[in-house]
N, C-alpha and C. Protein backbone atom coordinates (compact mmCIF):
# COMPACT_ATOMS: atom_id res chain seq x y z
N UNK A 1 109.40 139.42 99.56
CA UNK A 1 109.52 140.20 100.79
C UNK A 1 109.35 141.68 100.44
N UNK A 2 108.61 142.38 101.26
CA UNK A 2 108.40 143.82 101.02
C UNK A 2 109.65 144.60 101.41
N UNK A 3 109.79 145.79 100.85
CA UNK A 3 110.91 146.65 101.20
C UNK A 3 110.86 147.03 102.68
N UNK A 4 109.66 147.15 103.22
CA UNK A 4 109.51 147.48 104.64
C UNK A 4 110.09 146.36 105.51
N UNK A 5 109.76 145.12 105.16
CA UNK A 5 110.29 143.97 105.92
C UNK A 5 111.80 143.87 105.77
N UNK A 6 112.32 144.11 104.55
CA UNK A 6 113.76 144.03 104.34
C UNK A 6 114.50 145.05 105.20
N UNK A 7 113.98 146.27 105.25
CA UNK A 7 114.62 147.32 106.06
C UNK A 7 114.63 146.92 107.53
N UNK A 8 113.50 146.47 108.03
CA UNK A 8 113.42 146.11 109.45
C UNK A 8 114.24 144.85 109.73
N UNK A 9 114.29 143.91 108.80
CA UNK A 9 115.17 142.74 108.97
C UNK A 9 116.62 143.18 109.13
N UNK A 10 117.05 144.18 108.35
CA UNK A 10 118.42 144.69 108.48
C UNK A 10 118.64 145.36 109.83
N UNK A 11 117.63 146.08 110.32
CA UNK A 11 117.75 146.68 111.66
C UNK A 11 117.95 145.59 112.71
N UNK A 12 117.11 144.58 112.66
CA UNK A 12 117.19 143.48 113.63
C UNK A 12 118.51 142.74 113.51
N UNK A 13 118.97 142.48 112.27
CA UNK A 13 120.23 141.77 112.06
C UNK A 13 121.43 142.54 112.62
N UNK A 14 121.28 143.85 112.78
CA UNK A 14 122.34 144.68 113.34
C UNK A 14 122.09 145.03 114.80
N UNK A 15 121.27 144.23 115.45
CA UNK A 15 120.99 144.34 116.89
C UNK A 15 120.35 145.66 117.29
N UNK A 16 119.65 146.31 116.38
CA UNK A 16 118.92 147.52 116.73
C UNK A 16 117.65 147.08 117.45
N UNK A 17 117.56 147.45 118.71
CA UNK A 17 116.45 146.98 119.54
C UNK A 17 115.58 148.12 120.07
N UNK A 18 115.92 149.36 119.70
CA UNK A 18 115.13 150.52 120.10
C UNK A 18 114.96 151.43 118.90
N UNK A 19 113.71 151.70 118.54
CA UNK A 19 113.42 152.58 117.42
C UNK A 19 112.38 153.60 117.85
N UNK A 20 112.68 154.85 117.57
CA UNK A 20 111.70 155.89 117.78
C UNK A 20 111.31 156.45 116.42
N UNK A 21 110.05 156.85 116.32
CA UNK A 21 109.53 157.31 115.03
C UNK A 21 108.69 158.56 115.21
N UNK A 22 108.64 159.33 114.15
CA UNK A 22 107.73 160.47 114.04
C UNK A 22 106.87 160.16 112.82
N UNK A 23 105.55 160.38 112.90
CA UNK A 23 104.68 159.97 111.79
C UNK A 23 105.10 160.52 110.43
N UNK A 24 104.94 159.67 109.40
CA UNK A 24 105.26 160.04 108.03
C UNK A 24 104.56 159.05 107.11
N UNK A 25 103.81 159.56 106.13
CA UNK A 25 103.11 158.67 105.21
C UNK A 25 104.05 157.79 104.42
N UNK A 26 105.17 158.34 103.94
CA UNK A 26 106.10 157.53 103.16
C UNK A 26 106.70 156.41 103.98
N UNK A 27 106.93 156.64 105.24
CA UNK A 27 107.58 155.66 106.11
C UNK A 27 106.58 154.80 106.90
N UNK A 28 105.29 154.97 106.64
CA UNK A 28 104.26 154.29 107.42
C UNK A 28 104.42 152.77 107.40
N UNK A 29 104.78 152.19 106.26
CA UNK A 29 104.96 150.74 106.17
C UNK A 29 106.11 150.25 107.03
N UNK A 30 107.20 150.99 107.06
CA UNK A 30 108.34 150.63 107.91
C UNK A 30 107.95 150.79 109.38
N UNK A 31 107.27 151.87 109.69
CA UNK A 31 106.84 152.10 111.08
C UNK A 31 105.92 150.98 111.55
N UNK A 32 104.98 150.57 110.71
CA UNK A 32 104.09 149.46 111.05
C UNK A 32 104.88 148.17 111.27
N UNK A 33 105.87 147.94 110.43
CA UNK A 33 106.70 146.73 110.55
C UNK A 33 107.53 146.77 111.83
N UNK A 34 108.10 147.92 112.17
CA UNK A 34 108.84 148.08 113.42
C UNK A 34 107.93 147.78 114.61
N UNK A 35 106.73 148.33 114.56
CA UNK A 35 105.77 148.16 115.65
C UNK A 35 105.37 146.70 115.83
N UNK A 36 105.39 145.93 114.77
CA UNK A 36 104.98 144.53 114.82
C UNK A 36 106.08 143.59 115.30
N UNK A 37 107.31 144.07 115.38
CA UNK A 37 108.43 143.19 115.74
C UNK A 37 108.65 143.15 117.24
N UNK A 38 108.53 141.98 117.84
CA UNK A 38 108.71 141.88 119.29
C UNK A 38 110.14 142.15 119.76
N UNK A 39 111.11 141.99 118.85
CA UNK A 39 112.51 142.20 119.24
C UNK A 39 112.92 143.68 119.23
N UNK A 40 111.99 144.55 118.82
CA UNK A 40 112.27 145.98 118.79
C UNK A 40 111.31 146.70 119.74
N UNK A 41 111.88 147.52 120.61
CA UNK A 41 111.06 148.41 121.44
C UNK A 41 110.80 149.66 120.61
N UNK A 42 109.54 149.89 120.27
CA UNK A 42 109.17 151.04 119.44
C UNK A 42 108.52 152.09 120.33
N UNK A 43 109.08 153.29 120.33
CA UNK A 43 108.54 154.38 121.11
C UNK A 43 108.34 155.60 120.20
N UNK A 44 107.10 155.86 119.80
CA UNK A 44 106.85 157.05 118.96
C UNK A 44 107.21 158.32 119.73
N UNK A 45 107.68 159.31 118.97
CA UNK A 45 108.07 160.60 119.56
C UNK A 45 107.19 161.70 118.98
N UNK A 46 107.05 162.79 119.72
CA UNK A 46 106.28 163.93 119.25
C UNK A 46 107.07 164.79 118.26
N UNK A 47 108.38 164.87 118.48
CA UNK A 47 109.26 165.69 117.63
C UNK A 47 110.56 164.94 117.42
N UNK A 48 111.24 165.27 116.34
CA UNK A 48 112.48 164.58 115.99
C UNK A 48 113.59 164.80 117.01
N UNK A 49 113.74 166.01 117.53
CA UNK A 49 114.80 166.22 118.52
C UNK A 49 114.50 165.45 119.80
N UNK A 50 113.24 165.33 120.15
CA UNK A 50 112.85 164.51 121.30
C UNK A 50 113.21 163.05 121.03
N UNK A 51 112.94 162.59 119.82
CA UNK A 51 113.27 161.22 119.45
C UNK A 51 114.77 160.95 119.54
N UNK A 52 115.58 161.93 119.15
CA UNK A 52 117.03 161.76 119.27
C UNK A 52 117.46 161.66 120.72
N UNK A 53 116.80 162.42 121.58
CA UNK A 53 117.07 162.31 123.02
C UNK A 53 116.72 160.93 123.55
N UNK A 54 115.60 160.39 123.09
CA UNK A 54 115.20 159.04 123.49
C UNK A 54 116.22 158.02 123.00
N UNK A 55 116.71 158.20 121.78
CA UNK A 55 117.74 157.31 121.23
C UNK A 55 119.03 157.39 122.05
N UNK A 56 119.39 158.59 122.48
CA UNK A 56 120.59 158.76 123.31
C UNK A 56 120.44 158.01 124.62
N UNK A 57 119.28 158.13 125.24
CA UNK A 57 119.02 157.39 126.48
C UNK A 57 119.08 155.89 126.27
N UNK A 58 118.51 155.42 125.17
CA UNK A 58 118.56 153.98 124.86
C UNK A 58 120.00 153.53 124.67
N UNK A 59 120.79 154.33 123.94
CA UNK A 59 122.19 153.97 123.71
C UNK A 59 122.96 153.91 125.02
N UNK A 60 122.77 154.90 125.88
CA UNK A 60 123.46 154.91 127.17
C UNK A 60 123.00 153.76 128.06
N UNK A 61 121.80 153.25 127.80
CA UNK A 61 121.27 152.10 128.53
C UNK A 61 121.65 150.77 127.90
N UNK A 62 122.52 150.79 126.88
CA UNK A 62 123.02 149.56 126.30
C UNK A 62 122.29 149.06 125.06
N UNK A 63 121.37 149.84 124.54
CA UNK A 63 120.61 149.44 123.34
C UNK A 63 121.21 150.09 122.10
N UNK A 64 120.98 149.49 120.96
CA UNK A 64 121.33 150.10 119.68
C UNK A 64 120.06 150.77 119.14
N UNK A 65 120.09 152.10 118.98
CA UNK A 65 118.89 152.81 118.55
C UNK A 65 118.87 153.17 117.07
N UNK A 66 117.68 153.59 116.63
CA UNK A 66 117.48 154.12 115.29
C UNK A 66 116.30 155.10 115.37
N UNK A 67 116.36 156.16 114.58
CA UNK A 67 115.22 157.08 114.48
C UNK A 67 114.70 157.07 113.04
N UNK A 68 113.39 157.13 112.92
CA UNK A 68 112.72 157.16 111.62
C UNK A 68 111.93 158.46 111.58
N UNK A 69 112.22 159.31 110.56
CA UNK A 69 111.69 160.68 110.55
C UNK A 69 111.65 161.26 109.14
N UNK A 70 111.11 162.47 109.00
CA UNK A 70 111.10 163.20 107.73
C UNK A 70 112.25 164.20 107.69
N UNK A 71 112.70 164.53 106.48
CA UNK A 71 113.76 165.53 106.34
C UNK A 71 113.28 166.94 106.69
N UNK A 72 111.98 167.17 106.65
CA UNK A 72 111.48 168.51 106.92
C UNK A 72 111.75 168.96 108.35
N UNK A 73 112.16 168.05 109.21
CA UNK A 73 112.46 168.42 110.60
C UNK A 73 113.96 168.41 110.90
N UNK A 74 114.79 168.29 109.89
CA UNK A 74 116.23 168.32 110.13
C UNK A 74 116.63 169.59 110.89
N UNK A 75 116.01 170.70 110.55
CA UNK A 75 116.34 171.97 111.19
C UNK A 75 116.20 171.93 112.70
N UNK A 76 115.16 171.27 113.21
CA UNK A 76 114.96 171.24 114.66
C UNK A 76 115.89 170.27 115.36
N UNK A 77 116.62 169.46 114.59
CA UNK A 77 117.51 168.48 115.21
C UNK A 77 118.97 168.92 115.26
N UNK A 78 119.30 170.04 114.65
CA UNK A 78 120.71 170.46 114.53
C UNK A 78 121.40 170.52 115.89
N UNK A 79 120.82 171.19 116.86
CA UNK A 79 121.45 171.31 118.17
C UNK A 79 121.62 169.95 118.83
N UNK A 80 120.60 169.11 118.75
CA UNK A 80 120.69 167.78 119.36
C UNK A 80 121.76 166.94 118.69
N UNK A 81 121.82 167.00 117.36
CA UNK A 81 122.85 166.24 116.65
C UNK A 81 124.26 166.68 117.04
N UNK A 82 124.47 167.99 117.13
CA UNK A 82 125.82 168.51 117.40
C UNK A 82 126.22 168.36 118.87
N UNK A 83 125.33 168.73 119.79
CA UNK A 83 125.73 168.80 121.20
C UNK A 83 125.46 167.54 122.00
N UNK A 84 124.69 166.62 121.44
CA UNK A 84 124.43 165.36 122.14
C UNK A 84 125.00 164.19 121.34
N UNK A 85 124.43 163.93 120.21
CA UNK A 85 124.80 162.74 119.43
C UNK A 85 126.26 162.76 119.01
N UNK A 86 126.70 163.85 118.39
CA UNK A 86 128.08 163.89 117.92
C UNK A 86 129.08 164.13 119.04
N UNK A 87 128.76 165.03 119.94
CA UNK A 87 129.70 165.33 121.03
C UNK A 87 130.04 164.08 121.84
N UNK A 88 129.02 163.26 122.09
CA UNK A 88 129.23 162.05 122.89
C UNK A 88 129.48 160.81 122.04
N UNK A 89 129.72 161.02 120.73
CA UNK A 89 130.07 159.93 119.81
C UNK A 89 129.08 158.78 119.87
N UNK A 90 127.82 159.13 119.68
CA UNK A 90 126.76 158.13 119.70
C UNK A 90 126.40 157.74 118.27
N UNK A 91 126.41 156.45 117.98
CA UNK A 91 125.96 156.03 116.66
C UNK A 91 124.44 156.20 116.57
N UNK A 92 123.97 156.70 115.46
CA UNK A 92 122.53 156.88 115.30
C UNK A 92 122.15 156.78 113.83
N UNK A 93 121.66 155.62 113.40
CA UNK A 93 121.12 155.56 112.05
C UNK A 93 119.81 156.34 112.00
N UNK A 94 119.70 157.22 111.01
CA UNK A 94 118.49 158.02 110.82
C UNK A 94 117.89 157.65 109.47
N UNK A 95 116.77 156.94 109.49
CA UNK A 95 116.06 156.61 108.26
C UNK A 95 115.10 157.77 108.01
N UNK A 96 115.35 158.50 106.91
CA UNK A 96 114.68 159.78 106.70
C UNK A 96 113.95 159.79 105.36
N UNK A 97 112.66 160.08 105.39
CA UNK A 97 111.96 160.29 104.12
C UNK A 97 112.37 161.66 103.60
N UNK A 98 112.78 161.68 102.34
CA UNK A 98 113.30 162.91 101.73
C UNK A 98 112.20 163.53 100.89
N UNK A 99 111.42 164.39 101.52
CA UNK A 99 110.30 165.06 100.87
C UNK A 99 110.79 166.33 100.18
N UNK A 100 110.06 166.74 99.13
CA UNK A 100 110.33 168.03 98.50
C UNK A 100 111.03 167.99 97.17
N UNK A 101 111.19 166.82 96.59
CA UNK A 101 111.84 166.74 95.29
C UNK A 101 110.79 166.74 94.17
N UNK A 102 111.20 166.35 92.98
CA UNK A 102 110.31 166.36 91.82
C UNK A 102 108.99 165.66 92.11
N UNK A 103 107.91 166.24 91.63
CA UNK A 103 106.54 165.74 91.78
C UNK A 103 106.02 165.83 93.21
N UNK A 104 106.70 166.57 94.07
CA UNK A 104 106.21 166.77 95.45
C UNK A 104 104.88 167.52 95.38
N UNK A 105 103.83 167.00 96.02
CA UNK A 105 102.53 167.66 95.96
C UNK A 105 102.32 168.75 97.02
N UNK A 106 103.20 168.86 98.00
CA UNK A 106 103.03 169.81 99.08
C UNK A 106 104.15 170.86 98.99
N UNK A 107 103.78 172.08 98.63
CA UNK A 107 104.77 173.11 98.35
C UNK A 107 105.72 173.40 99.51
N UNK A 108 105.21 173.40 100.74
CA UNK A 108 106.08 173.76 101.87
C UNK A 108 107.17 172.72 102.13
N UNK A 109 107.02 171.50 101.59
CA UNK A 109 108.04 170.46 101.76
C UNK A 109 109.31 170.78 100.96
N UNK A 110 109.14 171.54 99.88
CA UNK A 110 110.26 171.80 98.96
C UNK A 110 111.37 172.60 99.63
N UNK A 111 111.03 173.56 100.42
CA UNK A 111 112.05 174.45 100.99
C UNK A 111 113.07 173.71 101.83
N UNK A 112 112.64 172.76 102.65
CA UNK A 112 113.61 172.03 103.47
C UNK A 112 114.43 171.06 102.64
N UNK A 113 113.86 170.54 101.57
CA UNK A 113 114.63 169.64 100.69
C UNK A 113 115.84 170.38 100.11
N UNK A 114 115.68 171.66 99.85
CA UNK A 114 116.77 172.46 99.30
C UNK A 114 117.94 172.52 100.28
N UNK A 115 117.66 172.43 101.58
CA UNK A 115 118.69 172.61 102.61
C UNK A 115 119.16 171.33 103.28
N UNK A 116 118.40 170.24 103.15
CA UNK A 116 118.69 169.02 103.91
C UNK A 116 120.12 168.52 103.75
N UNK A 117 120.55 168.28 102.52
CA UNK A 117 121.88 167.70 102.32
C UNK A 117 122.99 168.65 102.76
N UNK A 118 122.79 169.95 102.55
CA UNK A 118 123.81 170.92 102.97
C UNK A 118 123.94 170.96 104.49
N UNK A 119 122.81 170.89 105.20
CA UNK A 119 122.87 170.87 106.66
C UNK A 119 123.57 169.62 107.18
N UNK A 120 123.25 168.49 106.60
CA UNK A 120 123.91 167.24 107.01
C UNK A 120 125.40 167.29 106.69
N UNK A 121 125.75 167.84 105.54
CA UNK A 121 127.17 167.97 105.17
C UNK A 121 127.90 168.93 106.12
N UNK A 122 127.24 170.02 106.49
CA UNK A 122 127.85 170.97 107.42
C UNK A 122 128.16 170.32 108.76
N UNK A 123 127.34 169.37 109.16
CA UNK A 123 127.55 168.63 110.41
C UNK A 123 128.48 167.43 110.24
N UNK A 124 128.99 167.23 109.02
CA UNK A 124 129.86 166.09 108.71
C UNK A 124 129.19 164.75 109.00
N UNK A 125 127.90 164.67 108.69
CA UNK A 125 127.16 163.43 108.88
C UNK A 125 127.13 162.69 107.55
N UNK A 126 127.69 161.48 107.51
CA UNK A 126 127.63 160.70 106.28
C UNK A 126 126.17 160.52 105.84
N UNK A 127 125.93 160.73 104.55
CA UNK A 127 124.57 160.72 104.03
C UNK A 127 124.49 159.80 102.81
N UNK A 128 123.49 158.95 102.81
CA UNK A 128 123.24 158.02 101.71
C UNK A 128 121.84 158.29 101.20
N UNK A 129 121.67 158.28 99.89
CA UNK A 129 120.38 158.63 99.29
C UNK A 129 119.87 157.44 98.50
N UNK A 130 118.75 156.88 98.94
CA UNK A 130 118.13 155.75 98.26
C UNK A 130 117.08 156.26 97.28
N UNK A 131 117.29 155.95 95.99
CA UNK A 131 116.35 156.33 94.93
C UNK A 131 115.53 155.13 94.45
N UNK A 132 116.17 153.96 94.44
CA UNK A 132 115.53 152.75 93.93
C UNK A 132 115.55 151.68 95.02
N UNK A 133 114.61 150.77 94.95
CA UNK A 133 114.51 149.74 95.97
C UNK A 133 115.82 148.97 96.16
N UNK A 134 116.52 148.73 95.07
CA UNK A 134 117.78 147.97 95.18
C UNK A 134 118.85 148.73 95.98
N UNK A 135 118.70 150.04 96.13
CA UNK A 135 119.64 150.81 96.95
C UNK A 135 119.64 150.33 98.39
N UNK A 136 118.53 149.76 98.83
CA UNK A 136 118.42 149.26 100.20
C UNK A 136 119.36 148.09 100.46
N UNK A 137 119.95 147.52 99.40
CA UNK A 137 120.93 146.45 99.59
C UNK A 137 122.15 146.95 100.36
N UNK A 138 122.35 148.27 100.38
CA UNK A 138 123.49 148.87 101.10
C UNK A 138 123.19 149.12 102.59
N UNK A 139 121.94 148.95 103.00
CA UNK A 139 121.56 149.31 104.37
C UNK A 139 122.36 148.55 105.41
N UNK A 140 122.54 147.27 105.24
CA UNK A 140 123.30 146.47 106.21
C UNK A 140 124.69 147.06 106.43
N UNK A 141 125.39 147.39 105.35
CA UNK A 141 126.74 147.95 105.46
C UNK A 141 126.71 149.33 106.12
N UNK A 142 125.69 150.12 105.82
CA UNK A 142 125.56 151.45 106.42
C UNK A 142 125.35 151.32 107.93
N UNK A 143 124.53 150.38 108.34
CA UNK A 143 124.28 150.17 109.78
C UNK A 143 125.55 149.70 110.48
N UNK A 144 126.27 148.79 109.87
CA UNK A 144 127.53 148.33 110.46
C UNK A 144 128.50 149.51 110.60
N UNK A 145 128.54 150.38 109.60
CA UNK A 145 129.43 151.55 109.60
C UNK A 145 129.10 152.48 110.77
N UNK A 146 127.84 152.82 110.97
CA UNK A 146 127.49 153.77 112.03
C UNK A 146 127.87 153.25 113.42
N UNK A 147 127.71 151.95 113.65
CA UNK A 147 128.06 151.40 114.96
C UNK A 147 129.56 151.16 115.10
N UNK A 148 130.25 150.95 113.98
CA UNK A 148 131.70 150.79 114.03
C UNK A 148 132.39 152.11 114.36
N UNK A 149 131.92 153.21 113.74
CA UNK A 149 132.63 154.49 113.91
C UNK A 149 131.95 155.43 114.92
N UNK A 150 130.86 154.99 115.53
CA UNK A 150 130.16 155.80 116.54
C UNK A 150 129.80 157.19 116.01
N UNK A 151 129.15 157.19 114.84
CA UNK A 151 128.71 158.44 114.22
C UNK A 151 127.26 158.28 113.78
N UNK A 152 126.53 159.38 113.78
CA UNK A 152 125.20 159.31 113.16
C UNK A 152 125.36 159.21 111.65
N UNK A 153 124.42 158.54 111.00
CA UNK A 153 124.37 158.51 109.54
C UNK A 153 122.94 158.80 109.11
N UNK A 154 122.81 159.46 107.97
CA UNK A 154 121.49 159.77 107.41
C UNK A 154 121.26 158.91 106.18
N UNK A 155 120.12 158.24 106.17
CA UNK A 155 119.71 157.45 105.02
C UNK A 155 118.46 158.12 104.46
N UNK A 156 118.63 158.87 103.37
CA UNK A 156 117.53 159.59 102.76
C UNK A 156 116.81 158.67 101.78
N UNK A 157 115.51 158.59 101.92
CA UNK A 157 114.70 157.75 101.03
C UNK A 157 113.69 158.64 100.34
N UNK A 158 113.83 158.80 99.03
CA UNK A 158 112.93 159.72 98.34
C UNK A 158 111.67 159.02 97.84
N UNK A 159 110.78 159.78 97.26
CA UNK A 159 109.48 159.25 96.82
C UNK A 159 109.65 158.14 95.79
N UNK A 160 110.65 158.25 94.90
CA UNK A 160 110.83 157.20 93.90
C UNK A 160 111.21 155.87 94.57
N UNK A 161 111.92 155.93 95.68
CA UNK A 161 112.28 154.72 96.43
C UNK A 161 111.02 154.02 96.94
N UNK A 162 110.06 154.82 97.40
CA UNK A 162 108.82 154.28 97.97
C UNK A 162 107.74 154.06 96.92
N UNK A 163 108.03 154.35 95.67
CA UNK A 163 107.06 154.10 94.62
C UNK A 163 106.23 155.32 94.23
N UNK A 164 106.69 156.51 94.56
CA UNK A 164 105.98 157.73 94.18
C UNK A 164 105.22 158.32 95.34
N UNK A 165 104.61 159.47 95.09
CA UNK A 165 103.87 160.17 96.14
C UNK A 165 102.47 159.65 96.33
N UNK A 166 101.90 159.00 95.33
CA UNK A 166 100.55 158.45 95.47
C UNK A 166 99.57 159.51 95.88
N UNK A 167 98.79 159.24 96.93
CA UNK A 167 97.75 160.18 97.37
C UNK A 167 98.21 161.10 98.49
N UNK A 168 99.51 161.25 98.65
CA UNK A 168 100.01 162.11 99.71
C UNK A 168 99.77 163.52 99.31
């Protein structure tokens, strides 16, 4: 089974039926897998904060949502996370590609990587960092946690988790 299928199987097993995504090469396999699953309503978003708004609407409509995005847009989501997701105690698993670490080929990605974990910590958002494929064994428990405590959680997946940067 591919890591993409395992991740989406865990989403489905935790009754996540609404997923919004913002394009990302590292997450493309997961996005394709989400799109192929009939039990998940997949709605691509133009921006991450817009996607969080869509997730809030899905949650208020009785669905369990998830957003799939890059860490480079954490900055544009701060207001939405604080004044919508956290204020209204909405659970929101965020599967985030963590760009900007060692061997990053795109220089502008590095700057946000320096700030990502600090921003999430400042917002008191539990953060998990997947470095190796076996780290995904924790995903089921992380998903159960976010829906149990009605909090957003960040799951950072770096290039080593996805097998390197390749031709990105």
